[in-house]
Protein backbone atom coordinates (compact mmCIF):
# COMPACT_ATOMS: atom_id res chain seq x y z
CA MET A 1 1.88 -36.42 15.13
CA PRO A 2 3.93 -33.55 13.20
CA LYS A 3 6.68 -31.75 14.22
CA ILE A 4 6.02 -28.00 15.68
CA ALA A 5 8.07 -25.01 16.04
CA GLY A 6 7.54 -21.92 17.11
CA VAL A 7 8.65 -18.32 16.60
CA VAL A 8 7.83 -14.99 17.92
CA ILE A 9 9.33 -11.81 16.45
CA ALA A 10 10.16 -9.70 19.17
CA TYR A 11 10.75 -5.49 18.79
CA PHE A 12 11.50 -3.85 21.71
CA PRO A 13 9.01 -6.10 23.84
CA ASP A 14 7.94 -5.66 27.25
CA LEU A 15 9.73 -8.59 28.76
CA ASN A 16 6.90 -9.83 31.47
CA LYS A 17 4.32 -9.68 29.04
CA LEU A 18 6.32 -11.40 26.42
CA ILE A 19 6.99 -14.31 28.94
CA ARG A 20 3.45 -14.26 29.94
CA ASN A 21 2.41 -14.87 26.31
CA ILE A 22 5.00 -17.19 25.70
CA ASP A 23 3.78 -19.47 28.45
CA THR A 24 0.64 -19.83 26.92
CA TYR A 25 1.84 -22.19 23.90
CA ILE A 26 5.70 -23.18 25.14
CA ASP A 27 4.24 -26.56 26.27
CA TYR A 28 3.06 -27.31 22.86
CA ILE A 29 5.81 -27.09 20.68
CA GLU A 30 9.14 -28.52 20.54
CA GLN A 31 11.41 -25.70 20.07
CA LEU A 32 10.76 -21.80 19.90
CA PHE A 33 12.69 -19.46 18.13
CA ILE A 34 12.75 -15.89 19.73
CA VAL A 35 13.92 -13.71 16.61
CA PHE A 36 14.66 -10.20 18.00
CA ASN A 37 14.16 -7.44 15.39
CA SER A 38 15.52 -4.95 18.10
CA PRO A 39 18.85 -4.70 20.37
CA ALA A 40 18.50 -7.22 22.98
CA LYS A 41 20.65 -7.34 26.46
CA ASN A 42 22.74 -10.22 27.21
CA ASP A 43 20.86 -10.52 30.46
CA VAL A 44 17.64 -10.76 28.99
CA ILE A 45 18.81 -13.57 26.79
CA GLU A 46 20.20 -15.18 29.76
CA LEU A 47 16.69 -14.80 31.18
CA LEU A 48 15.00 -16.19 28.48
CA THR A 49 17.36 -19.01 27.93
CA THR A 50 17.26 -20.02 31.70
CA LYS A 51 13.72 -20.19 31.89
CA TYR A 52 12.96 -22.25 28.82
CA SER A 53 15.09 -25.04 27.69
CA THR A 54 13.44 -25.26 24.62
CA ILE A 55 14.22 -21.64 23.04
CA GLN A 56 16.73 -20.61 20.85
CA VAL A 57 17.39 -16.30 20.48
CA ILE A 58 18.37 -14.52 17.44
CA VAL A 59 19.23 -11.47 17.46
CA ASN A 60 19.33 -8.95 14.30
CA GLU A 61 21.85 -6.31 14.14
CA LYS A 62 19.02 -4.55 12.51
CA ASN A 63 15.10 -4.54 12.15
CA ILE A 64 15.14 -6.86 9.03
CA GLY A 65 11.17 -6.53 9.11
CA ILE A 66 8.74 -9.58 9.61
CA ALA A 67 8.72 -11.27 6.49
CA SER A 68 12.11 -11.72 6.33
CA ALA A 69 12.56 -12.68 9.89
CA LEU A 70 9.70 -15.24 9.01
CA ASN A 71 11.38 -16.91 6.11
CA ARG A 72 14.45 -17.25 7.75
CA THR A 73 13.12 -18.93 10.69
CA ALA A 74 11.03 -21.28 8.47
CA LEU A 75 13.78 -22.17 6.78
CA LYS A 76 16.02 -23.23 9.80
CA ALA A 77 13.03 -25.06 11.20
CA MET A 78 12.32 -26.62 7.97
CA ASN A 79 15.90 -27.49 7.74
CA GLN A 80 15.77 -29.12 11.43
CA GLY A 81 12.93 -31.29 10.26
CA TYR A 82 9.84 -29.60 11.50
CA ASP A 83 6.78 -29.43 9.47
CA TRP A 84 5.05 -26.66 11.30
CA LEU A 85 5.90 -23.16 12.68
CA LEU A 86 3.72 -21.56 15.16
CA THR A 87 4.14 -17.86 14.15
CA MET A 88 3.23 -15.43 17.00
CA ASP A 89 3.54 -11.95 17.91
CA GLN A 90 5.15 -10.63 20.93
CA ASP A 91 1.63 -9.21 22.21
CA SER A 92 -0.06 -12.35 21.28
CA ARG A 93 -1.18 -15.39 23.36
CA PHE A 94 -3.80 -18.16 23.43
CA SER A 95 -6.53 -18.48 25.99
CA SER A 96 -6.94 -22.25 25.96
CA VAL A 97 -4.98 -25.40 24.92
CA HIS A 98 -7.65 -26.12 22.49
CA PHE A 99 -6.21 -24.82 19.33
CA PHE A 100 -3.44 -27.36 19.72
CA GLU A 101 -5.87 -30.14 20.48
CA ALA A 102 -7.94 -29.64 17.39
CA PHE A 103 -5.10 -29.09 15.15
CA GLY A 104 -4.10 -32.45 16.46
CA LYS A 105 -7.26 -34.29 15.35
CA SER A 106 -7.72 -32.14 11.74
CA ASP A 107 -7.37 -33.22 8.10
CA MET A 108 -4.08 -31.40 7.39
CA LYS A 109 -3.98 -32.20 3.65
CA ASN A 110 -3.47 -29.04 1.09
CA VAL A 111 -3.76 -26.76 4.64
CA ALA A 112 -1.47 -23.90 4.30
CA ILE A 113 -2.29 -22.76 7.77
CA PHE A 114 -4.31 -23.57 10.94
CA CYS A 115 -5.72 -20.46 12.97
CA PRO A 116 -7.65 -19.88 15.77
CA THR A 117 -10.21 -16.77 15.71
CA PRO A 118 -9.02 -13.34 17.03
CA ASP A 119 -10.70 -12.13 19.97
CA SER A 120 -12.00 -9.02 18.61
CA GLN A 121 -13.83 -11.81 15.88
CA PHE A 122 -14.98 -14.11 18.64
CA ARG A 123 -18.67 -14.53 18.51
CA ASN A 124 -21.43 -17.09 20.17
CA ALA A 125 -18.94 -19.85 20.56
CA SER A 126 -19.85 -23.44 21.28
CA ASP A 127 -18.03 -25.96 23.00
CA ASN A 128 -17.12 -27.83 19.48
CA PHE A 129 -13.89 -26.86 19.11
CA ASN A 130 -13.31 -28.87 16.20
CA GLU A 131 -15.51 -26.75 14.24
CA ALA A 132 -13.62 -25.29 11.47
CA GLU A 133 -14.15 -22.97 8.23
CA GLU A 134 -12.26 -22.14 5.06
CA VAL A 135 -11.17 -18.50 5.13
CA LEU A 136 -9.64 -16.25 2.73
CA THR A 137 -7.13 -14.03 4.98
CA VAL A 138 -5.74 -14.15 8.56
CA ILE A 139 -3.64 -12.05 10.48
CA THR A 140 -0.02 -13.87 10.73
CA SER A 141 -0.21 -14.24 14.75
CA GLY A 142 -1.54 -17.12 15.91
CA ASN A 143 -1.12 -19.42 13.07
CA LEU A 144 0.14 -23.15 12.48
CA LEU A 145 1.87 -22.45 9.15
CA ASN A 146 2.69 -25.86 6.82
CA LEU A 147 6.30 -25.60 6.02
CA SER A 148 5.99 -27.52 3.12
CA ILE A 149 3.60 -25.51 1.45
CA TRP A 150 5.82 -22.22 2.30
CA LYS A 151 8.44 -23.72 0.32
CA ILE A 152 6.33 -24.21 -2.60
CA LEU A 153 4.63 -20.88 -2.52
CA GLY A 154 8.47 -19.20 -2.04
CA GLY A 155 7.85 -17.88 1.30
CA PHE A 156 6.47 -14.64 2.69
CA GLU A 157 7.29 -11.42 0.35
CA GLU A 158 10.05 -9.80 1.77
CA LYS A 159 9.86 -6.51 -0.01
CA LEU A 160 6.58 -5.58 2.01
CA PHE A 161 8.79 -5.54 5.30
CA ILE A 162 5.72 -5.01 7.42
CA ASP A 163 2.06 -4.73 6.89
CA GLU A 164 -0.09 -6.83 4.50
CA VAL A 165 2.95 -9.65 4.49
CA ASP A 166 -0.21 -11.95 5.76
CA ASN A 167 -2.75 -10.89 3.42
CA ASP A 168 -0.07 -11.58 0.38
CA TYR A 169 0.59 -14.78 1.75
CA CYS A 170 -2.75 -16.14 2.30
CA LEU A 171 -4.29 -14.84 -1.07
CA LYS A 172 -1.03 -16.74 -2.73
CA ALA A 173 -1.80 -19.68 -0.76
CA VAL A 174 -5.78 -19.73 -1.88
CA PHE A 175 -4.74 -18.87 -5.53
CA GLY A 176 -2.53 -21.73 -5.29
CA ASP A 177 -5.15 -24.01 -4.33
CA PHE A 178 -4.56 -24.27 -0.64
CA LYS A 179 -6.56 -23.77 2.19
CA ILE A 180 -6.81 -21.63 5.24
CA VAL A 181 -8.64 -23.31 7.99
CA ARG A 182 -9.80 -21.50 11.14
CA PHE A 183 -11.46 -22.95 14.13
CA LYS A 184 -14.54 -21.02 14.68
CA ASN A 185 -14.88 -21.61 18.51
CA ILE A 186 -11.43 -21.35 19.58
CA SER A 187 -10.09 -18.04 20.58
CA PHE A 188 -6.55 -16.15 21.03
CA ILE A 189 -5.67 -12.85 22.04
CA HIS A 190 -3.83 -10.32 19.94
CA GLU A 191 -3.40 -6.52 20.79
CA LEU A 192 -3.13 -4.12 17.78
CA GLY A 193 -1.50 -0.74 18.45
CA LEU A 194 -2.20 1.40 21.05
CA ASN A 195 -6.11 2.35 21.93
CA LYS A 196 -6.98 5.81 22.12
CA GLU A 197 -10.66 7.30 23.23
CA VAL A 198 -11.85 9.85 20.82
CA PHE A 199 -15.20 11.86 20.85
CA PHE A 200 -17.33 12.10 17.46
CA LEU A 201 -20.78 12.85 17.12
CA LEU A 202 -21.42 12.95 20.77
CA LYS A 203 -19.98 9.39 21.38
CA LYS A 204 -17.04 7.98 22.27
CA HIS A 205 -15.19 5.50 20.26
CA THR A 206 -11.86 3.62 20.92
CA ILE A 207 -9.97 3.70 17.61
CA ILE A 208 -6.36 1.84 17.34
CA THR A 209 -3.72 4.12 16.28
CA HIS A 210 0.06 3.50 14.99
CA SER A 211 3.01 5.71 14.39
CA PRO A 212 3.29 7.66 11.16
CA VAL A 213 5.84 5.56 9.49
CA ARG A 214 3.44 2.69 9.84
CA ALA A 215 1.09 4.69 7.99
CA TYR A 216 3.97 4.76 5.17
CA TYR A 217 3.82 0.91 5.13
CA ILE A 218 -0.06 0.79 5.61
CA PHE A 219 -0.64 2.92 2.15
CA ARG A 220 2.26 1.49 0.10
CA ASN A 221 1.67 -2.17 0.71
CA ASN A 222 -2.28 -2.07 0.35
CA PHE A 223 -1.54 -0.06 -3.15
CA TYR A 224 0.65 -3.24 -4.00
CA ILE A 225 -2.22 -5.59 -2.64
CA PHE A 226 -4.53 -3.51 -4.80
CA SER A 227 -2.65 -4.03 -8.04
CA LYS A 228 -1.64 -7.53 -7.49
CA TYR A 229 -4.94 -9.08 -6.80
CA LYS A 230 -7.68 -6.87 -8.43
CA LYS A 231 -8.14 -9.32 -11.05
CA ILE A 232 -7.86 -12.57 -8.80
CA PHE A 233 -9.85 -11.43 -5.57
CA PRO A 234 -11.73 -8.20 -6.62
CA GLU A 235 -13.91 -8.28 -3.45
CA PHE A 236 -11.28 -8.84 -1.42
CA VAL A 237 -9.49 -5.58 -3.04
CA ARG A 238 -13.01 -3.62 -2.69
CA SER A 239 -13.13 -3.99 0.93
CA ARG A 240 -9.30 -3.42 1.73
CA LYS A 241 -9.97 -0.11 -0.27
CA ILE A 242 -12.53 0.71 2.33
CA VAL A 243 -10.70 -0.34 5.30
CA LEU A 244 -7.96 2.15 3.77
CA LEU A 245 -10.58 4.78 3.50
CA LYS A 246 -11.34 4.38 7.03
CA VAL A 247 -7.86 4.88 7.95
CA PHE A 248 -7.19 7.57 6.16
CA ILE A 249 -10.40 9.13 7.34
CA LYS A 250 -9.47 8.52 11.25
CA ILE A 251 -5.88 10.19 10.43
CA LEU A 252 -7.68 13.58 9.61
CA LEU A 253 -10.22 13.59 12.33
CA PHE A 254 -8.47 12.29 15.30
CA SER A 255 -4.59 12.19 14.79
CA GLU A 256 -2.67 15.11 16.58
CA ASN A 257 -0.07 14.97 14.13
CA ARG A 258 -2.14 14.59 10.93
CA ILE A 259 0.35 16.80 8.65
CA GLN A 260 2.93 14.34 9.62
CA TYR A 261 0.98 11.48 9.14
CA CYS A 262 -0.16 12.82 5.88
CA ARG A 263 3.45 13.12 4.53
CA TYR A 264 4.47 9.41 5.33
CA VAL A 265 0.96 8.44 3.55
CA LEU A 266 2.10 10.32 0.29
CA ALA A 267 5.63 9.03 0.86
CA GLY A 268 4.27 5.37 0.85
CA ILE A 269 1.69 5.97 -2.11
CA LYS A 270 5.09 7.75 -4.37
CA ASP A 271 7.19 4.60 -3.57
CA TYR A 272 4.67 2.13 -4.34
CA PHE A 273 4.50 4.04 -8.17
CA LYS A 274 8.29 4.31 -7.92
CA SER A 275 8.51 0.32 -6.98
CA SER A 276 10.82 1.25 -4.19
CA TYR A 277 10.06 -1.57 -1.29
CA GLY A 278 11.83 -2.67 1.51
CA SER A 279 12.65 -0.79 4.82
CA PHE A 280 11.56 3.23 4.64
CA ASN A 281 14.89 5.10 5.71
CA GLY A 282 14.31 8.20 4.28
CA ASN A 283 12.50 11.34 5.30
CA ALA A 284 8.76 11.68 5.09
CA LYS A 285 9.05 15.95 4.28
CA GLU A 286 11.78 15.52 1.94
CA ALA A 287 10.51 12.43 -0.11
CA ASN A 288 7.44 14.94 -0.62
CA SER A 289 9.31 17.57 -1.88
CA GLU A 290 11.17 16.24 -4.97
């Protein structure tokens, strides 16, 4: 059986929720790295290390981004002899043990990632938990990452910081003739942003909202994906353009701070054309007045 470590990237987490989520997978991995990309109090670290004997807490001095945090942990896990790395978000959890059971029965040759099906995409499940399909992209959370293939691919693209890190890695893997395998009948729960109820055309809709600075990353990094993969995966790029357009329409229709959001969107697009990546530390208003 291959050796499995895990990592959860934490950013100002709800501690009770984090512990509840960790409890759904801690027994199926040999070691868990909890990487704080935000400050962590000593009593929080002590609570976690006391509760779980198989974890190591890593606290970064600043937010280094999800790509860098994943790469550092993947390298650490690989150097410690692990073959696979379970990558989890602080707001993600498994609803059953079937994922790890199905993984253990699978053909792992040339598979870069094994993953369950996000709850939002889960439809008409059967009891055949081993039934799998090859997909083009998956979100980072809930994945079992093949560390030998991670090394071949050169890891996650750190200049993206957050957003589209998952899509870039998956597309790079598929282009390299590796597989992304998703178990069709195994779900997991992943919370995305904040839910907001809005009324449009006399109907109530629930939309996912993010902070204005996330709009910066979403638009900058999607433009990067468009440019990098438009010739290799044209259909995917077209679908992402539609998604991005919908995001912008929702900002215009439903955001209470649409002017601020638009400033960050424009700053992101501008930085893409300037090839300015990494963490956004500027002022969106100033960035658009140059």
